[in-house]
């Protein structure tokens, strides 16, 4: 189960990748850059939810 805790950091890696693609495609292909911006926002939101619920389940047994 500890291995799953490392996968949440992959979402931050995807955020960096998608945001760089957004910046590179902003001038040349605006529609493609908007898709990359939405994917980068989605990856940060997924990271935040995974982090929040992982802490909640970890603290469940400490009550």
PDB file of N, CA and C in Angstrom:
ATOM      1  N   UNK A   1       0.814  -1.195   0.000  1.00  0.00           N
ATOM      2  CA  UNK A   1       0.000   0.000   0.000  1.00  0.00           C
ATOM      3  C   UNK A   1       0.858   1.259   0.000  1.00  0.00           C
ATOM      4  N   UNK A   2       2.068   1.174   0.515  1.00  0.00           N
ATOM      5  CA  UNK A   2       2.914   2.359   0.531  1.00  0.00           C
ATOM      6  C   UNK A   2       3.319   2.778  -0.874  1.00  0.00           C
ATOM      7  N   UNK A   3       3.335   1.817  -1.787  1.00  0.00           N
ATOM      8  CA  UNK A   3       3.690   2.138  -3.167  1.00  0.00           C
ATOM      9  C   UNK A   3       2.661   3.072  -3.795  1.00  0.00           C
ATOM     10  N   UNK A   4       1.409   2.935  -3.412  1.00  0.00           N
ATOM     11  CA  UNK A   4       0.370   3.810  -3.953  1.00  0.00           C
ATOM     12  C   UNK A   4       0.563   5.252  -3.507  1.00  0.00           C
ATOM     13  N   UNK A   5       1.217   5.465  -2.390  1.00  0.00           N
ATOM     14  CA  UNK A   5       1.486   6.819  -1.931  1.00  0.00           C
ATOM     15  C   UNK A   5       2.448   7.570  -2.829  1.00  0.00           C
ATOM     16  N   UNK A   6       3.272   6.848  -3.566  1.00  0.00           N
ATOM     17  CA  UNK A   6       4.224   7.505  -4.462  1.00  0.00           C
ATOM     18  C   UNK A   6       3.584   7.900  -5.788  1.00  0.00           C
ATOM     19  N   UNK A   7       2.492   7.249  -6.153  1.00  0.00           N
ATOM     20  CA  UNK A   7       1.856   7.546  -7.433  1.00  0.00           C
ATOM     21  C   UNK A   7       1.200   8.920  -7.446  1.00  0.00           C
ATOM     22  N   UNK A   8       0.876   9.455  -6.271  1.00  0.00           N
ATOM     23  CA  UNK A   8       0.260  10.777  -6.269  1.00  0.00           C
ATOM     24  C   UNK A   8       1.235  11.838  -6.767  1.00  0.00           C
ATOM     25  N   UNK A   9       2.522  11.577  -6.632  1.00  0.00           N
ATOM     26  CA  UNK A   9       3.500  12.539  -7.137  1.00  0.00           C
ATOM     27  C   UNK A   9       3.620  12.490  -8.657  1.00  0.00           C
ATOM     28  N   UNK A  10       3.117  11.441  -9.265  1.00  0.00           N
ATOM     29  CA  UNK A  10       3.086  11.384 -10.730  1.00  0.00           C
ATOM     30  C   UNK A  10       2.136  12.443 -11.278  1.00  0.00           C
ATOM     31  N   UNK A  11       1.084  12.753 -10.521  1.00  0.00           N
ATOM     32  CA  UNK A  11       0.163  13.795 -10.962  1.00  0.00           C
ATOM     33  C   UNK A  11       0.842  15.158 -10.993  1.00  0.00           C
ATOM     34  N   UNK A  12       1.759  15.411 -10.076  1.00  0.00           N
ATOM     35  CA  UNK A  12       2.513  16.666 -10.135  1.00  0.00           C
ATOM     36  C   UNK A  12       3.444  16.685 -11.336  1.00  0.00           C
ATOM     37  N   UNK A  13       3.993  15.535 -11.672  1.00  0.00           N
ATOM     38  CA  UNK A  13       4.815  15.436 -12.876  1.00  0.00           C
ATOM     39  C   UNK A  13       3.993  15.697 -14.130  1.00  0.00           C
ATOM     40  N   UNK A  14       2.771  15.155 -14.160  1.00  0.00           N
ATOM     41  CA  UNK A  14       1.887  15.423 -15.292  1.00  0.00           C
ATOM     42  C   UNK A  14       1.509  16.899 -15.358  1.00  0.00           C
ATOM     43  N   UNK A  15       1.339  17.522 -14.182  1.00  0.00           N
ATOM     44  CA  UNK A  15       1.049  18.954 -14.170  1.00  0.00           C
ATOM     45  C   UNK A  15       2.168  19.745 -14.831  1.00  0.00           C
ATOM     46  N   UNK A  16       3.397  19.440 -14.469  1.00  0.00           N
ATOM     47  CA  UNK A  16       4.539  20.153 -15.054  1.00  0.00           C
ATOM     48  C   UNK A  16       4.597  19.910 -16.561  1.00  0.00           C
ATOM     49  N   UNK A  17       4.426  18.673 -16.966  1.00  0.00           N
ATOM     50  CA  UNK A  17       4.475  18.332 -18.388  1.00  0.00           C
ATOM     51  C   UNK A  17       3.380  19.049 -19.179  1.00  0.00           C
ATOM     52  N   UNK A  18       2.150  18.990 -18.688  1.00  0.00           N
ATOM     53  CA  UNK A  18       1.038  19.612 -19.407  1.00  0.00           C
ATOM     54  C   UNK A  18       1.142  21.131 -19.401  1.00  0.00           C
ATOM     55  N   UNK A  19       1.650  21.710 -18.313  1.00  0.00           N
ATOM     56  CA  UNK A  19       1.771  23.165 -18.264  1.00  0.00           C
ATOM     57  C   UNK A  19       2.862  23.657 -19.210  1.00  0.00           C
ATOM     58  N   UNK A  20       3.939  22.909 -19.328  1.00  0.00           N
ATOM     59  CA  UNK A  20       4.988  23.276 -20.292  1.00  0.00           C
ATOM     60  C   UNK A  20       4.443  23.183 -21.714  1.00  0.00           C
ATOM     61  N   UNK A  21       3.672  22.138 -22.000  1.00  0.00           N
ATOM     62  CA  UNK A  21       3.058  22.022 -23.323  1.00  0.00           C
ATOM     63  C   UNK A  21       2.075  23.166 -23.578  1.00  0.00           C
ATOM     64  N   UNK A  22       1.364  23.579 -22.538  1.00  0.00           N
ATOM     65  CA  UNK A  22       0.467  24.732 -22.673  1.00  0.00           C
ATOM     66  C   UNK A  22       1.249  25.982 -23.053  1.00  0.00           C
ATOM     67  N   UNK A  23       2.358  26.226 -22.381  1.00  0.00           N
ATOM     68  CA  UNK A  23       3.155  27.412 -22.679  1.00  0.00           C
ATOM     69  C   UNK A  23       3.780  27.355 -24.070  1.00  0.00           C
ATOM     70  N   UNK A  24       4.210  26.179 -24.490  1.00  0.00           N
ATOM     71  CA  UNK A  24       4.838  26.052 -25.801  1.00  0.00           C
ATOM     72  C   UNK A  24       3.834  26.191 -26.947  1.00  0.00           C
ATOM     73  N   UNK A  25       2.601  25.751 -26.742  1.00  0.00           N
ATOM     74  CA  UNK A  25       1.597  25.774 -27.804  1.00  0.00           C
ATOM     75  C   UNK A  25       0.675  26.984 -27.748  1.00  0.00           C
ATOM     76  N   UNK A  26       0.913  27.898 -26.827  1.00  0.00           N
ATOM     77  CA  UNK A  26      -0.008  29.017 -26.633  1.00  0.00           C
ATOM     78  C   UNK A  26      -0.101  29.912 -27.868  1.00  0.00           C
ATOM     79  N   UNK A  27       1.027  30.236 -28.462  1.00  0.00           N
ATOM     80  CA  UNK A  27       1.024  31.147 -29.619  1.00  0.00           C
ATOM     81  C   UNK A  27       0.637  30.440 -30.919  1.00  0.00           C
ATOM     82  N   UNK A  28       1.070  29.216 -31.093  1.00  0.00           N
ATOM     83  CA  UNK A  28       0.869  28.558 -32.388  1.00  0.00           C
ATOM     84  C   UNK A  28      -0.509  27.903 -32.525  1.00  0.00           C
ATOM     85  N   UNK A  29      -0.944  27.166 -31.514  1.00  0.00           N
ATOM     86  CA  UNK A  29      -2.216  26.444 -31.598  1.00  0.00           C
ATOM     87  C   UNK A  29      -2.989  26.668 -30.301  1.00  0.00           C
ATOM     88  N   UNK A  30      -3.884  27.646 -30.316  1.00  0.00           N
ATOM     89  CA  UNK A  30      -4.572  28.059 -29.099  1.00  0.00           C
ATOM     90  C   UNK A  30      -5.504  26.972 -28.573  1.00  0.00           C
ATOM     91  N   UNK A  31      -6.221  26.278 -29.450  1.00  0.00           N
ATOM     92  CA  UNK A  31      -7.148  25.230 -29.003  1.00  0.00           C
ATOM     93  C   UNK A  31      -6.411  24.084 -28.322  1.00  0.00           C
ATOM     94  N   UNK A  32      -5.293  23.704 -28.867  1.00  0.00           N
ATOM     95  CA  UNK A  32      -4.489  22.638 -28.264  1.00  0.00           C
ATOM     96  C   UNK A  32      -3.934  23.082 -26.912  1.00  0.00           C
ATOM     97  N   UNK A  33      -3.562  24.356 -26.805  1.00  0.00           N
ATOM     98  CA  UNK A  33      -3.018  24.847 -25.542  1.00  0.00           C
ATOM     99  C   UNK A  33      -4.083  24.878 -24.452  1.00  0.00           C
ATOM    100  N   UNK A  34      -5.330  25.162 -24.811  1.00  0.00           N
ATOM    101  CA  UNK A  34      -6.412  25.155 -23.822  1.00  0.00           C
ATOM    102  C   UNK A  34      -6.634  23.745 -23.286  1.00  0.00           C
ATOM    103  N   UNK A  35      -6.530  22.752 -24.142  1.00  0.00           N
ATOM    104  CA  UNK A  35      -6.668  21.358 -23.700  1.00  0.00           C
ATOM    105  C   UNK A  35      -5.562  21.012 -22.709  1.00  0.00           C
ATOM    106  N   UNK A  36      -4.334  21.429 -23.000  1.00  0.00           N
ATOM    107  CA  UNK A  36      -3.235  21.159 -22.075  1.00  0.00           C
ATOM    108  C   UNK A  36      -3.407  21.920 -20.763  1.00  0.00           C
ATOM    109  N   UNK A  37      -3.950  23.123 -20.819  1.00  0.00           N
ATOM    110  CA  UNK A  37      -4.207  23.870 -19.590  1.00  0.00           C
ATOM    111  C   UNK A  37      -5.250  23.156 -18.740  1.00  0.00           C
ATOM    112  N   UNK A  38      -6.313  22.673 -19.357  1.00  0.00           N
ATOM    113  CA  UNK A  38      -7.342  21.940 -18.612  1.00  0.00           C
ATOM    114  C   UNK A  38      -6.795  20.643 -18.022  1.00  0.00           C
ATOM    115  N   UNK A  39      -5.936  19.959 -18.764  1.00  0.00           N
ATOM    116  CA  UNK A  39      -5.324  18.737 -18.234  1.00  0.00           C
ATOM    117  C   UNK A  39      -4.395  19.038 -17.065  1.00  0.00           C
ATOM    118  N   UNK A  40      -3.681  20.152 -17.126  1.00  0.00           N
ATOM    119  CA  UNK A  40      -2.796  20.498 -16.011  1.00  0.00           C
ATOM    120  C   UNK A  40      -3.602  20.858 -14.767  1.00  0.00           C
ATOM    121  N   UNK A  41      -4.703  21.573 -14.947  1.00  0.00           N
ATOM    122  CA  UNK A  41      -5.567  21.894 -13.804  1.00  0.00           C
ATOM    123  C   UNK A  41      -6.179  20.618 -13.231  1.00  0.00           C
ATOM    124  N   UNK A  42      -6.601  19.717 -14.094  1.00  0.00           N
ATOM    125  CA  UNK A  42      -7.177  18.449 -13.643  1.00  0.00           C
ATOM    126  C   UNK A  42      -6.161  17.617 -12.865  1.00  0.00           C
ATOM    127  N   UNK A  43      -4.918  17.612 -13.298  1.00  0.00           N
ATOM    128  CA  UNK A  43      -3.906  16.822 -12.591  1.00  0.00           C
ATOM    129  C   UNK A  43      -3.623  17.392 -11.203  1.00  0.00           C
ATOM    130  N   UNK A  44      -3.664  18.711 -11.041  1.00  0.00           N
ATOM    131  CA  UNK A  44      -3.471  19.304  -9.709  1.00  0.00           C
ATOM    132  C   UNK A  44      -4.656  18.978  -8.811  1.00  0.00           C
ATOM    133  N   UNK A  45      -5.860  19.018  -9.353  1.00  0.00           N
ATOM    134  CA  UNK A  45      -7.051  18.701  -8.561  1.00  0.00           C
ATOM    135  C   UNK A  45      -7.029  17.241  -8.120  1.00  0.00           C
ATOM    136  N   UNK A  46      -6.646  16.345  -9.006  1.00  0.00           N
ATOM    137  CA  UNK A  46      -6.567  14.924  -8.651  1.00  0.00           C
ATOM    138  C   UNK A  46      -5.501  14.707  -7.587  1.00  0.00           C
ATOM    139  N   UNK A  47      -4.353  15.380  -7.690  1.00  0.00           N
ATOM    140  CA  UNK A  47      -3.317  15.280  -6.659  1.00  0.00           C
ATOM    141  C   UNK A  47      -3.858  15.758  -5.315  1.00  0.00           C
ATOM    142  N   UNK A  48      -4.560  16.863  -5.322  1.00  0.00           N
ATOM    143  CA  UNK A  48      -5.090  17.417  -4.078  1.00  0.00           C
ATOM    144  C   UNK A  48      -6.094  16.461  -3.429  1.00  0.00           C
ATOM    145  N   UNK A  49      -7.002  15.889  -4.227  1.00  0.00           N
ATOM    146  CA  UNK A  49      -7.970  14.944  -3.680  1.00  0.00           C
ATOM    147  C   UNK A  49      -7.296  13.688  -3.154  1.00  0.00           C
ATOM    148  N   UNK A  50      -6.332  13.160  -3.880  1.00  0.00           N
ATOM    149  CA  UNK A  50      -5.642  11.950  -3.410  1.00  0.00           C
ATOM    150  C   UNK A  50      -4.907  12.224  -2.110  1.00  0.00           C
ATOM    151  N   UNK A  51      -4.261  13.372  -2.027  1.00  0.00           N
ATOM    152  CA  UNK A  51      -3.519  13.727  -0.822  1.00  0.00           C
ATOM    153  C   UNK A  51      -4.473  13.897   0.363  1.00  0.00           C
ATOM    154  N   UNK A  52      -5.590  14.566   0.132  1.00  0.00           N
ATOM    155  CA  UNK A  52      -6.566  14.802   1.193  1.00  0.00           C
ATOM    156  C   UNK A  52      -7.150  13.495   1.714  1.00  0.00           C
ATOM    157  N   UNK A  53      -7.588  12.625   0.823  1.00  0.00           N
ATOM    158  CA  UNK A  53      -8.214  11.378   1.253  1.00  0.00           C
ATOM    159  C   UNK A  53      -7.206  10.363   1.770  1.00  0.00           C
ATOM    160  N   UNK A  54      -5.980  10.427   1.300  1.00  0.00           N
ATOM    161  CA  UNK A  54      -4.961   9.533   1.837  1.00  0.00           C
ATOM    162  C   UNK A  54      -4.666   9.893   3.291  1.00  0.00           C
ATOM    163  N   UNK A  55      -4.606  11.182   3.599  1.00  0.00           N
ATOM    164  CA  UNK A  55      -4.412  11.601   4.989  1.00  0.00           C
ATOM    165  C   UNK A  55      -5.612  11.223   5.846  1.00  0.00           C
ATOM    166  N   UNK A  56      -6.804  11.333   5.295  1.00  0.00           N
ATOM    167  CA  UNK A  56      -8.010  11.001   6.051  1.00  0.00           C
ATOM    168  C   UNK A  56      -8.045   9.518   6.402  1.00  0.00           C
ATOM    169  N   UNK A  57      -7.698   8.657   5.460  1.00  0.00           N
ATOM    170  CA  UNK A  57      -7.699   7.224   5.737  1.00  0.00           C
ATOM    171  C   UNK A  57      -6.553   6.829   6.653  1.00  0.00           C
ATOM    172  N   UNK A  58      -5.440   7.534   6.576  1.00  0.00           N
ATOM    173  CA  UNK A  58      -4.317   7.232   7.453  1.00  0.00           C
ATOM    174  C   UNK A  58      -4.640   7.612   8.895  1.00  0.00           C
ATOM    175  N   UNK A  59      -5.352   8.728   9.083  1.00  0.00           N
ATOM    176  CA  UNK A  59      -5.693   9.198  10.422  1.00  0.00           C
ATOM    177  C   UNK A  59      -6.939   8.525  10.984  1.00  0.00           C
ATOM    178  N   UNK A  60      -7.590   7.683  10.227  1.00  0.00           N
ATOM    179  CA  UNK A  60      -8.819   7.039  10.677  1.00  0.00           C
ATOM    180  C   UNK A  60      -8.570   6.132  11.881  1.00  0.00           C
ATOM    181  N   UNK A  61      -7.478   5.434  11.913  1.00  0.00           N
ATOM    182  CA  UNK A  61      -7.195   4.511  13.000  1.00  0.00           C
ATOM    183  C   UNK A  61      -6.644   5.174  14.247  1.00  0.00           C
ATOM    184  N   UNK A  62      -6.333   6.460  14.192  1.00  0.00           N
ATOM    185  CA  UNK A  62      -5.726   7.146  15.332  1.00  0.00           C
ATOM    186  C   UNK A  62      -6.745   7.722  16.302  1.00  0.00           C
ATOM    187  N   UNK A  63      -8.034   7.606  16.004  1.00  0.00           N
ATOM    188  CA  UNK A  63      -9.050   8.162  16.886  1.00  0.00           C
ATOM    189  C   UNK A  63      -9.145   7.359  18.098  1.00  0.00           C
TER     190      UNK A  63
END
